[in-house]
Amino acid sequence: MAELLIRDADTVLTMEDTATGRDILIRDGVIAEVGEGLSTEGEVLDASGCLVTPGLVNTHHHLYQTLTRAVPAGQDALLFGWLRALYPIWGRFTPDLMHLSTQLGLAELALSGCTTSSDHLYLFPNGCTLDDTIHAAAETGLRFHPTRGAMSIGESDGGLPPDALVEAEDAILDDCIRVIDRFHDAAPGSMCRVGVAPCSPFSVSRDLMRDAAVLARDKRVRLHTHLAENDEDVRYSLENFGCRPGQYAEDLGWTGDDVWHAHCVKLDASEIDLFARTRTGVAHCPCSNCRLGSGIAPLRAMLDAGVPVGLGVDGSASNDVASLVGEARQAMLLARVSRGADAMPSQDVLRVATRGGAEVLGREDIGAIAPGLRADIAVWDMRGVDSAGSWDRAALLLAGPRRVRDLFVEGRQIVRDGHVATLDLPMLVERAERAVRNLVRG
């Protein structure tokens, strides 16, 4: 049996009430023991001077957008204008660009402490498929929750996306079945779980939303979409459906503990209560919400009501950075701006970033450091300049590094001494620069 001992950490934040100690013994990809003075005949990692946490969990992303950061036409636009600026660029993507952008985005996430990421891919130009991102993630080594997104209502039918990027609804549902049957693994420790994810109320029909919910429940997979992202989004729902986003979701079968919605910036009190009662999850994306001027999501109110909440970096075209530890700090700061400095302790946000994200994605096997859970672990070196002078080495979000020293997924080392061990990152960056030059030229 393969063993790894993470030994002599300064602090281990287990996110569990029972497991304590400075040593973590990993056996065959699973945490075997947490305690003091543990030993092994296998590999030993010295964690002295380090804070050890569960791997962070990213519950919302559009990884393909990694190649469209800081596009000038979208830098200062609101959501709908931002989308209109970027749709034509995304329409030129190829399978190779999907693969490249996925690996770049996941590498960036890994360096920020992320061990599990969802992805929402909802456009498939020029022969692109969800398979492109799944294969890229497998090579990177992160745990992956890809969702088969879709857009079916183009501009000519009153939708937002250009007609060239929408698909026929029968074809969408057929491909959902294909990727679920080929890639979805529901077993404990799974490295790939597929979800069904029509893009948004302003890009798909209500019929597709209903049919997608039926399909997902028949296949026993999770459902994901965008909801109540900003005032434009709410106004669109009121004008076109005659109801607020929460009612829209409930009417179409999009509430329940197998559903999670991205953003939810504009949920009102009744919608928060609905999500709490039905255990409907939320992916909170504070940096993107700031970048697009969407507002501040009611994180404290959702948590207090019992809504399952995880963090999401959102796409790199609306955040421009994919740092999950940075996202956690931003979530903490925004909650304090809106509710007061005592409204959001840093450990509450770390819980959202770990156990909260695991719950939103339906994972009972990750999100904490405890015997029997998968060995998804982040090691943060607290001896650098960014932590110097800190009185509390566990206060990662207040005074701590923005990159991990080491990262493990299923007990396998993905980041070693601050470098991604599974990919040739300098080569990927060089390829990205060439790809951007080609996209700019059109």
Protein backbone atom coordinates (compact mmCIF):
# COMPACT_ATOMS: atom_id res chain seq x y z
CA MET A 1 0.00 0.00 0.00
CA ALA A 2 1.29 3.47 -0.98
CA GLU A 3 1.68 5.77 2.02
CA LEU A 4 2.51 9.44 2.44
CA LEU A 5 2.98 11.21 5.77
CA ILE A 6 2.56 14.99 5.98
CA ARG A 7 4.45 15.67 9.20
CA ASP A 8 4.97 18.46 11.74
CA ALA A 9 2.66 21.10 10.28
CA ASP A 10 2.45 24.25 12.35
CA THR A 11 -1.35 24.13 12.08
CA VAL A 12 -3.83 21.73 10.48
CA LEU A 13 -7.27 23.19 9.78
CA THR A 14 -9.31 20.02 9.39
CA MET A 15 -12.76 21.66 9.04
CA GLU A 16 -13.85 18.79 11.31
CA ASP A 17 -14.61 18.89 15.02
CA THR A 18 -13.05 15.52 15.79
CA ALA A 19 -9.77 15.14 13.89
CA THR A 20 -6.82 16.99 15.47
CA GLY A 21 -3.04 16.84 15.25
CA ARG A 22 -0.10 18.06 13.19
CA ASP A 23 0.48 14.87 11.18
CA ILE A 24 -1.64 13.40 8.38
CA LEU A 25 -1.14 9.84 7.17
CA ILE A 26 -2.40 9.10 3.66
CA ARG A 27 -2.82 5.57 2.39
CA ASP A 28 -3.84 4.73 -1.19
CA GLY A 29 -5.31 8.17 -1.79
CA VAL A 30 -7.37 8.22 1.41
CA ILE A 31 -6.68 9.93 4.74
CA ALA A 32 -5.88 7.09 7.13
CA GLU A 33 -5.09 9.00 10.33
CA VAL A 34 -4.70 12.51 11.75
CA GLY A 35 -2.69 12.89 14.93
CA GLU A 36 0.67 13.49 16.58
CA GLY A 37 3.88 11.52 16.17
CA LEU A 38 2.62 9.40 13.28
CA SER A 39 5.10 7.29 11.33
CA THR A 40 5.34 5.52 7.98
CA GLU A 41 7.73 3.46 5.90
CA GLY A 42 6.55 5.44 2.87
CA GLU A 43 7.20 8.99 1.70
CA VAL A 44 7.41 11.82 4.25
CA LEU A 45 6.66 15.48 3.53
CA ASP A 46 8.04 17.96 6.06
CA ALA A 47 5.32 20.58 6.71
CA SER A 48 7.08 22.53 9.44
CA GLY A 49 6.32 26.22 9.15
CA CYS A 50 3.20 25.42 7.13
CA LEU A 51 -0.55 25.66 7.45
CA VAL A 52 -2.40 22.62 6.07
CA THR A 53 -6.00 22.86 4.90
CA PRO A 54 -8.40 20.72 2.91
CA GLY A 55 -8.15 21.39 -0.79
CA LEU A 56 -10.41 24.23 -1.84
CA VAL A 57 -13.47 23.47 -3.99
CA ASN A 58 -14.44 25.67 -6.96
CA THR A 59 -18.16 25.45 -7.74
CA HIS A 60 -18.40 27.68 -10.83
CA HIS A 61 -16.09 28.34 -13.75
CA HIS A 62 -16.02 28.76 -17.52
CA LEU A 63 -12.55 27.44 -18.17
CA TYR A 64 -12.62 28.13 -21.90
CA GLN A 65 -12.60 31.85 -21.08
CA THR A 66 -9.00 31.64 -19.83
CA LEU A 67 -7.87 32.77 -23.30
CA THR A 68 -10.10 35.88 -23.27
CA ARG A 69 -8.96 37.79 -20.20
CA ALA A 70 -9.07 41.58 -20.22
CA VAL A 71 -10.57 41.86 -23.72
CA PRO A 72 -10.75 45.66 -24.19
CA ALA A 73 -14.34 45.74 -25.50
CA GLY A 74 -15.56 43.95 -22.38
CA GLN A 75 -13.44 45.55 -19.69
CA ASP A 76 -15.99 48.15 -18.58
CA ALA A 77 -19.26 46.56 -19.71
CA LEU A 78 -22.19 45.23 -17.71
CA LEU A 79 -23.15 41.56 -18.06
CA PHE A 80 -25.23 41.68 -21.26
CA GLY A 81 -22.88 44.08 -23.05
CA TRP A 82 -19.89 42.05 -21.90
CA LEU A 83 -21.41 38.90 -23.39
CA ARG A 84 -22.18 40.60 -26.69
CA ALA A 85 -18.54 41.75 -26.92
CA LEU A 86 -17.18 38.24 -26.34
CA TYR A 87 -19.58 35.92 -28.17
CA PRO A 88 -17.91 36.55 -31.59
CA ILE A 89 -14.47 35.72 -30.18
CA TRP A 90 -15.66 32.54 -28.49
CA GLY A 91 -17.30 31.53 -31.75
CA ARG A 92 -13.81 31.09 -33.25
CA PHE A 93 -12.66 28.59 -30.62
CA THR A 94 -11.49 25.12 -31.67
CA PRO A 95 -11.05 21.86 -29.71
CA ASP A 96 -7.34 22.62 -29.26
CA LEU A 97 -8.14 25.99 -27.70
CA MET A 98 -10.70 24.40 -25.38
CA HIS A 99 -8.06 21.90 -24.22
CA LEU A 100 -5.40 24.58 -23.76
CA SER A 101 -7.63 27.01 -21.88
CA THR A 102 -8.86 24.25 -19.57
CA GLN A 103 -5.35 23.22 -18.60
CA LEU A 104 -4.22 26.80 -18.04
CA GLY A 105 -7.25 27.55 -15.89
CA LEU A 106 -6.91 24.40 -13.82
CA ALA A 107 -3.18 25.00 -13.30
CA GLU A 108 -3.94 28.48 -12.00
CA LEU A 109 -6.59 27.08 -9.69
CA ALA A 110 -4.23 24.40 -8.39
CA LEU A 111 -1.63 27.01 -7.47
CA SER A 112 -4.33 28.80 -5.44
CA GLY A 113 -5.11 25.69 -3.38
CA CYS A 114 -7.97 24.24 -5.43
CA THR A 115 -8.23 20.45 -5.71
CA THR A 116 -11.75 20.12 -7.17
CA SER A 117 -13.34 22.31 -9.83
CA SER A 118 -16.61 22.39 -11.64
CA ASP A 119 -16.81 23.81 -15.16
CA HIS A 120 -19.76 25.18 -17.14
CA LEU A 121 -19.18 24.85 -20.89
CA TYR A 122 -22.21 26.08 -22.83
CA LEU A 123 -20.93 26.75 -26.36
CA PHE A 124 -19.48 24.27 -28.83
CA PRO A 125 -18.21 25.95 -31.99
CA ASN A 126 -16.11 24.30 -34.70
CA GLY A 127 -16.41 20.73 -33.46
CA CYS A 128 -15.73 21.46 -29.77
CA THR A 129 -17.22 19.02 -27.25
CA LEU A 130 -17.24 18.60 -23.49
CA ASP A 131 -14.77 15.78 -24.05
CA ASP A 132 -12.05 18.35 -24.81
CA THR A 133 -12.20 19.76 -21.28
CA ILE A 134 -12.56 16.36 -19.61
CA HIS A 135 -9.42 15.01 -21.25
CA ALA A 136 -7.52 18.20 -20.36
CA ALA A 137 -8.58 17.93 -16.71
CA ALA A 138 -7.54 14.27 -16.51
CA GLU A 139 -4.03 15.24 -17.63
CA THR A 140 -3.89 18.02 -15.03
CA GLY A 141 -4.92 15.78 -12.15
CA LEU A 142 -7.59 17.88 -10.45
CA ARG A 143 -10.94 16.41 -9.48
CA PHE A 144 -13.38 17.61 -12.14
CA HIS A 145 -17.11 18.30 -12.29
CA PRO A 146 -17.78 19.29 -15.93
CA THR A 147 -21.30 20.35 -16.81
CA ARG A 148 -22.78 20.08 -20.29
CA GLY A 149 -24.15 23.55 -20.85
CA ALA A 150 -26.23 24.80 -23.75
CA MET A 151 -27.80 27.78 -25.46
CA SER A 152 -30.88 27.26 -27.63
CA ILE A 153 -32.45 30.72 -28.12
CA GLY A 154 -30.49 33.01 -30.42
CA GLU A 155 -30.89 36.66 -31.26
CA SER A 156 -33.45 36.01 -33.99
CA ASP A 157 -35.76 34.41 -31.40
CA GLY A 158 -35.30 37.09 -28.74
CA GLY A 159 -32.33 35.55 -26.95
CA LEU A 160 -28.96 37.13 -26.22
CA PRO A 161 -26.43 34.86 -28.01
CA PRO A 162 -25.83 34.99 -31.78
CA ASP A 163 -27.70 32.34 -33.74
CA ALA A 164 -24.44 30.66 -34.77
CA LEU A 165 -23.74 29.64 -31.16
CA VAL A 166 -27.10 28.06 -30.32
CA GLU A 167 -28.05 24.40 -30.74
CA ALA A 168 -31.22 22.44 -31.40
CA GLU A 169 -32.72 21.28 -28.13
CA ASP A 170 -33.03 17.62 -29.13
CA ALA A 171 -29.33 17.59 -30.01
CA ILE A 172 -28.47 19.19 -26.67
CA LEU A 173 -30.32 16.53 -24.70
CA ASP A 174 -28.85 13.72 -26.80
CA ASP A 175 -25.32 14.97 -26.16
CA CYS A 176 -26.04 15.29 -22.43
CA ILE A 177 -26.89 11.60 -22.41
CA ARG A 178 -23.75 10.77 -24.40
CA VAL A 179 -21.30 12.54 -22.09
CA ILE A 180 -23.01 11.26 -18.93
CA ASP A 181 -22.90 7.67 -20.17
CA ARG A 182 -19.28 8.01 -21.27
CA PHE A 183 -17.69 9.98 -18.44
CA HIS A 184 -19.83 10.24 -15.29
CA ASP A 185 -18.52 8.28 -12.32
CA ALA A 186 -20.69 8.33 -9.20
CA ALA A 187 -18.33 6.16 -7.11
CA PRO A 188 -16.60 7.51 -3.97
CA GLY A 189 -13.32 9.14 -4.92
CA SER A 190 -14.55 9.82 -8.45
CA MET A 191 -12.32 12.10 -10.49
CA CYS A 192 -15.09 13.06 -12.93
CA ARG A 193 -18.79 13.71 -12.36
CA VAL A 194 -20.85 15.20 -15.15
CA GLY A 195 -23.75 17.64 -14.67
CA VAL A 196 -26.47 19.09 -16.90
CA ALA A 197 -26.37 22.88 -17.24
CA PRO A 198 -28.51 24.92 -19.67
CA CYS A 199 -26.81 28.29 -19.66
CA SER A 200 -29.31 30.85 -18.37
CA PRO A 201 -32.93 32.03 -18.51
CA PHE A 202 -32.03 34.46 -21.32
CA SER A 203 -30.44 31.84 -23.61
CA VAL A 204 -32.59 28.68 -23.35
CA SER A 205 -36.31 27.89 -23.44
CA ARG A 206 -38.39 26.88 -20.48
CA ASP A 207 -39.06 23.58 -22.24
CA LEU A 208 -35.33 22.84 -22.31
CA MET A 209 -35.02 23.71 -18.63
CA ARG A 210 -37.84 21.28 -17.76
CA ASP A 211 -36.52 18.52 -20.01
CA ALA A 212 -32.99 18.95 -18.69
CA ALA A 213 -34.22 18.56 -15.11
CA VAL A 214 -36.09 15.37 -16.00
CA LEU A 215 -33.05 13.97 -17.84
CA ALA A 216 -30.63 14.80 -15.02
CA ARG A 217 -32.82 13.15 -12.40
CA ASP A 218 -33.30 10.10 -14.56
CA LYS A 219 -29.51 9.84 -14.89
CA ARG A 220 -28.96 10.81 -11.21
CA VAL A 221 -26.63 13.70 -11.98
CA ARG A 222 -26.67 17.28 -10.77
CA LEU A 223 -28.17 20.41 -12.34
CA HIS A 224 -26.45 23.78 -12.72
CA THR A 225 -27.22 27.18 -14.28
CA HIS A 226 -26.92 30.95 -13.75
CA LEU A 227 -29.61 32.72 -11.76
CA ALA A 228 -30.37 36.23 -10.49
CA GLU A 229 -26.91 37.49 -11.42
CA ASN A 230 -27.77 41.19 -11.70
CA ASP A 231 -30.64 43.64 -12.14
CA GLU A 232 -30.76 43.01 -15.90
CA ASP A 233 -31.19 39.30 -15.22
CA VAL A 234 -34.09 39.88 -12.80
CA ARG A 235 -35.73 42.38 -15.16
CA TYR A 236 -35.52 39.88 -18.04
CA SER A 237 -37.25 37.26 -15.88
CA LEU A 238 -40.03 39.63 -14.86
CA GLU A 239 -40.62 40.88 -18.40
CA ASN A 240 -40.45 37.53 -20.16
CA PHE A 241 -41.72 35.04 -17.58
CA GLY A 242 -43.83 37.20 -15.31
CA CYS A 243 -42.00 36.12 -12.16
CA ARG A 244 -38.78 36.53 -10.21
CA PRO A 245 -35.87 34.14 -10.80
CA GLY A 246 -36.61 32.01 -7.72
CA GLN A 247 -40.17 31.33 -8.87
CA TYR A 248 -38.87 30.60 -12.37
CA ALA A 249 -36.49 28.00 -10.97
CA GLU A 250 -39.11 26.39 -8.74
CA ASP A 251 -41.73 26.21 -11.50
CA LEU A 252 -39.31 24.40 -13.84
CA GLY A 253 -38.04 21.84 -11.33
CA TRP A 254 -34.80 23.66 -10.65
CA THR A 255 -34.81 23.57 -6.85
CA GLY A 256 -33.62 20.73 -4.64
CA ASP A 257 -30.47 19.27 -3.15
CA ASP A 258 -29.30 18.13 -6.61
CA VAL A 259 -29.29 21.71 -7.99
CA TRP A 260 -26.87 24.59 -7.64
CA HIS A 261 -27.15 28.06 -9.15
CA ALA A 262 -24.30 30.45 -9.91
CA HIS A 263 -24.27 34.01 -8.53
CA CYS A 264 -27.72 34.59 -6.94
CA VAL A 265 -26.66 38.17 -6.25
CA LYS A 266 -30.24 39.43 -6.38
CA LEU A 267 -32.10 36.77 -4.38
CA ASP A 268 -34.68 38.34 -2.10
CA ALA A 269 -35.69 37.06 1.34
CA SER A 270 -38.41 34.76 0.01
CA GLU A 271 -36.01 33.22 -2.52
CA ILE A 272 -33.37 32.68 0.15
CA ASP A 273 -36.01 30.91 2.23
CA LEU A 274 -36.99 28.78 -0.80
CA PHE A 275 -33.38 27.72 -1.37
CA ALA A 276 -32.89 26.93 2.32
CA ARG A 277 -36.07 24.82 2.51
CA THR A 278 -35.22 22.88 -0.64
CA ARG A 279 -31.44 22.66 0.02
CA THR A 280 -30.77 24.31 -3.33
CA GLY A 281 -27.10 25.26 -3.60
CA VAL A 282 -25.42 28.52 -4.59
CA ALA A 283 -22.02 29.20 -6.16
CA HIS A 284 -20.95 32.58 -4.76
CA CYS A 285 -18.64 34.43 -7.19
CA PRO A 286 -17.68 37.71 -5.51
CA CYS A 287 -14.82 38.81 -7.77
CA SER A 288 -16.82 38.40 -10.97
CA ASN A 289 -19.79 40.13 -9.37
CA CYS A 290 -17.53 43.09 -8.56
CA ARG A 291 -15.85 43.07 -11.97
CA LEU A 292 -19.20 43.25 -13.80
CA GLY A 293 -20.80 45.57 -11.27
CA SER A 294 -23.52 43.03 -10.52
CA GLY A 295 -23.70 43.69 -6.80
CA ILE A 296 -22.92 41.93 -3.52
CA ALA A 297 -24.60 38.58 -3.00
CA PRO A 298 -26.30 38.11 0.41
CA LEU A 299 -23.76 35.55 1.62
CA ARG A 300 -24.34 36.02 5.36
CA ALA A 301 -28.11 35.87 4.95
CA MET A 302 -27.87 32.71 2.86
CA LEU A 303 -25.58 30.97 5.34
CA ASP A 304 -27.71 31.99 8.32
CA ALA A 305 -30.81 30.65 6.58
CA GLY A 306 -29.12 27.31 5.86
CA VAL A 307 -28.58 27.63 2.11
CA PRO A 308 -25.70 25.41 0.92
CA VAL A 309 -23.07 27.82 -0.44
CA GLY A 310 -19.74 27.24 -2.14
CA LEU A 311 -17.30 29.60 -3.85
CA GLY A 312 -16.70 30.02 -7.57
CA VAL A 313 -14.08 32.01 -9.44
CA ASP A 314 -16.39 32.25 -12.48
CA GLY A 315 -14.91 32.54 -15.95
CA SER A 316 -11.55 34.20 -16.47
CA ALA A 317 -13.13 36.73 -18.84
CA SER A 318 -15.30 38.17 -16.05
CA ASN A 319 -12.88 37.75 -13.17
CA ASP A 320 -9.61 37.78 -15.09
CA VAL A 321 -7.97 35.85 -12.24
CA ALA A 322 -8.68 32.26 -11.18
CA SER A 323 -7.46 32.29 -7.58
CA LEU A 324 -9.77 30.46 -5.23
CA VAL A 325 -7.99 31.64 -2.08
CA GLY A 326 -8.28 35.16 -3.46
CA GLU A 327 -11.98 34.55 -4.05
CA ALA A 328 -12.37 33.49 -0.43
CA ARG A 329 -10.70 36.67 0.82
CA GLN A 330 -12.93 38.76 -1.44
CA ALA A 331 -16.03 36.97 -0.12
CA MET A 332 -14.96 37.77 3.43
CA LEU A 333 -14.31 41.43 2.66
CA LEU A 334 -17.54 42.02 0.76
CA ALA A 335 -19.61 40.41 3.51
CA ARG A 336 -17.95 42.76 5.99
CA VAL A 337 -18.55 45.80 3.80
CA SER A 338 -22.24 45.01 3.58
CA ARG A 339 -22.88 43.69 7.10
CA GLY A 340 -20.03 44.87 9.36
CA ALA A 341 -16.57 43.63 10.32
CA ASP A 342 -17.97 41.02 12.70
CA ALA A 343 -20.35 39.56 10.11
CA MET A 344 -17.94 37.17 8.42
CA PRO A 345 -15.05 35.54 10.33
CA SER A 346 -12.32 34.28 8.02
CA GLN A 347 -12.83 30.68 9.18
CA ASP A 348 -16.48 30.84 8.11
CA VAL A 349 -15.37 31.67 4.58
CA LEU A 350 -12.75 28.91 4.57
CA ARG A 351 -15.54 26.53 5.51
CA VAL A 352 -17.56 27.78 2.53
CA ALA A 353 -14.49 27.26 0.31
CA THR A 354 -14.02 23.66 1.48
CA ARG A 355 -16.94 21.86 3.11
CA GLY A 356 -19.46 24.24 1.61
CA GLY A 357 -18.22 23.63 -1.93
CA ALA A 358 -18.15 19.89 -1.36
CA GLU A 359 -21.79 19.94 -0.25
CA VAL A 360 -22.86 22.06 -3.22
CA LEU A 361 -21.25 19.54 -5.59
CA GLY A 362 -22.79 16.60 -3.73
CA ARG A 363 -19.46 15.27 -2.45
CA GLU A 364 -19.37 13.59 0.94
CA ASP A 365 -15.82 12.34 0.42
CA ILE A 366 -13.91 15.65 0.23
CA GLY A 367 -13.91 19.09 1.87
CA ALA A 368 -12.30 18.20 5.21
CA ILE A 369 -9.26 16.43 6.67
CA ALA A 370 -10.50 13.35 8.50
CA PRO A 371 -9.93 9.59 8.35
CA GLY A 372 -11.86 8.00 5.51
CA LEU A 373 -12.04 11.10 3.34
CA ARG A 374 -10.07 11.48 0.12
CA ALA A 375 -6.60 12.97 0.47
CA ASP A 376 -7.19 16.35 -1.19
CA ILE A 377 -4.87 18.61 0.78
CA ALA A 378 -3.26 22.05 0.43
CA VAL A 379 0.02 22.96 2.17
CA TRP A 380 0.66 26.68 2.63
CA ASP A 381 4.14 27.93 3.59
CA MET A 382 3.57 30.58 6.27
CA ARG A 383 7.23 31.64 6.51
CA GLY A 384 7.19 34.12 3.61
CA VAL A 385 6.90 37.89 3.55
CA ASP A 386 3.11 37.73 3.10
CA SER A 387 2.78 36.05 6.53
CA ALA A 388 5.61 37.77 8.34
CA GLY A 389 4.35 39.44 11.51
CA SER A 390 1.14 37.43 11.66
CA TRP A 391 0.01 36.47 15.16
CA ASP A 392 -2.37 33.78 13.87
CA ARG A 393 -0.98 31.29 11.37
CA ALA A 394 -4.47 29.89 10.82
CA ALA A 395 -5.76 33.26 9.55
CA LEU A 396 -4.87 32.45 5.93
CA LEU A 397 -7.33 34.93 4.43
CA LEU A 398 -6.08 37.83 6.54
CA ALA A 399 -2.30 37.33 6.31
CA GLY A 400 -1.16 34.42 4.22
CA PRO A 401 0.25 33.36 0.87
CA ARG A 402 -1.85 33.42 -2.28
CA ARG A 403 -0.15 30.28 -3.65
CA VAL A 404 0.30 26.85 -2.14
CA ARG A 405 3.65 25.21 -1.61
CA ASP A 406 2.28 21.72 -2.16
CA LEU A 407 -1.06 20.33 -3.32
CA PHE A 408 -2.38 16.77 -3.27
CA VAL A 409 -5.40 15.29 -5.02
CA GLU A 410 -6.29 11.70 -4.16
CA GLY A 411 -2.89 11.58 -2.48
CA ARG A 412 -1.08 12.44 -5.73
CA GLN A 413 1.12 15.53 -5.74
CA ILE A 414 -0.15 18.13 -8.23
CA VAL A 415 1.88 21.11 -6.97
CA ARG A 416 5.40 20.59 -5.65
CA ASP A 417 7.40 23.44 -4.11
CA GLY A 418 5.14 26.01 -5.74
CA HIS A 419 5.24 24.54 -9.24
CA VAL A 420 2.61 22.51 -11.10
CA ALA A 421 4.09 19.03 -11.31
CA THR A 422 1.72 17.52 -13.86
CA LEU A 423 2.01 20.03 -16.71
CA ASP A 424 4.68 21.93 -18.63
CA LEU A 425 3.28 25.29 -17.59
CA PRO A 426 5.84 27.51 -19.41
CA MET A 427 5.00 25.70 -22.65
CA LEU A 428 1.26 26.19 -22.05
CA VAL A 429 1.77 29.90 -21.39
CA GLU A 430 3.75 30.24 -24.64
CA ARG A 431 0.96 28.45 -26.53
CA ALA A 432 -1.59 30.77 -24.92
CA GLU A 433 0.30 33.85 -26.11
CA ARG A 434 0.26 32.52 -29.69
CA ALA A 435 -3.43 31.66 -29.43
CA VAL A 436 -4.34 35.14 -28.21
CA ARG A 437 -2.40 36.76 -31.07
CA ASN A 438 -4.35 34.62 -33.54
CA LEU A 439 -7.68 35.44 -31.90
CA VAL A 440 -6.90 39.17 -31.97
CA ARG A 441 -6.13 38.96 -35.68
CA GLY A 442 -9.47 37.22 -36.18
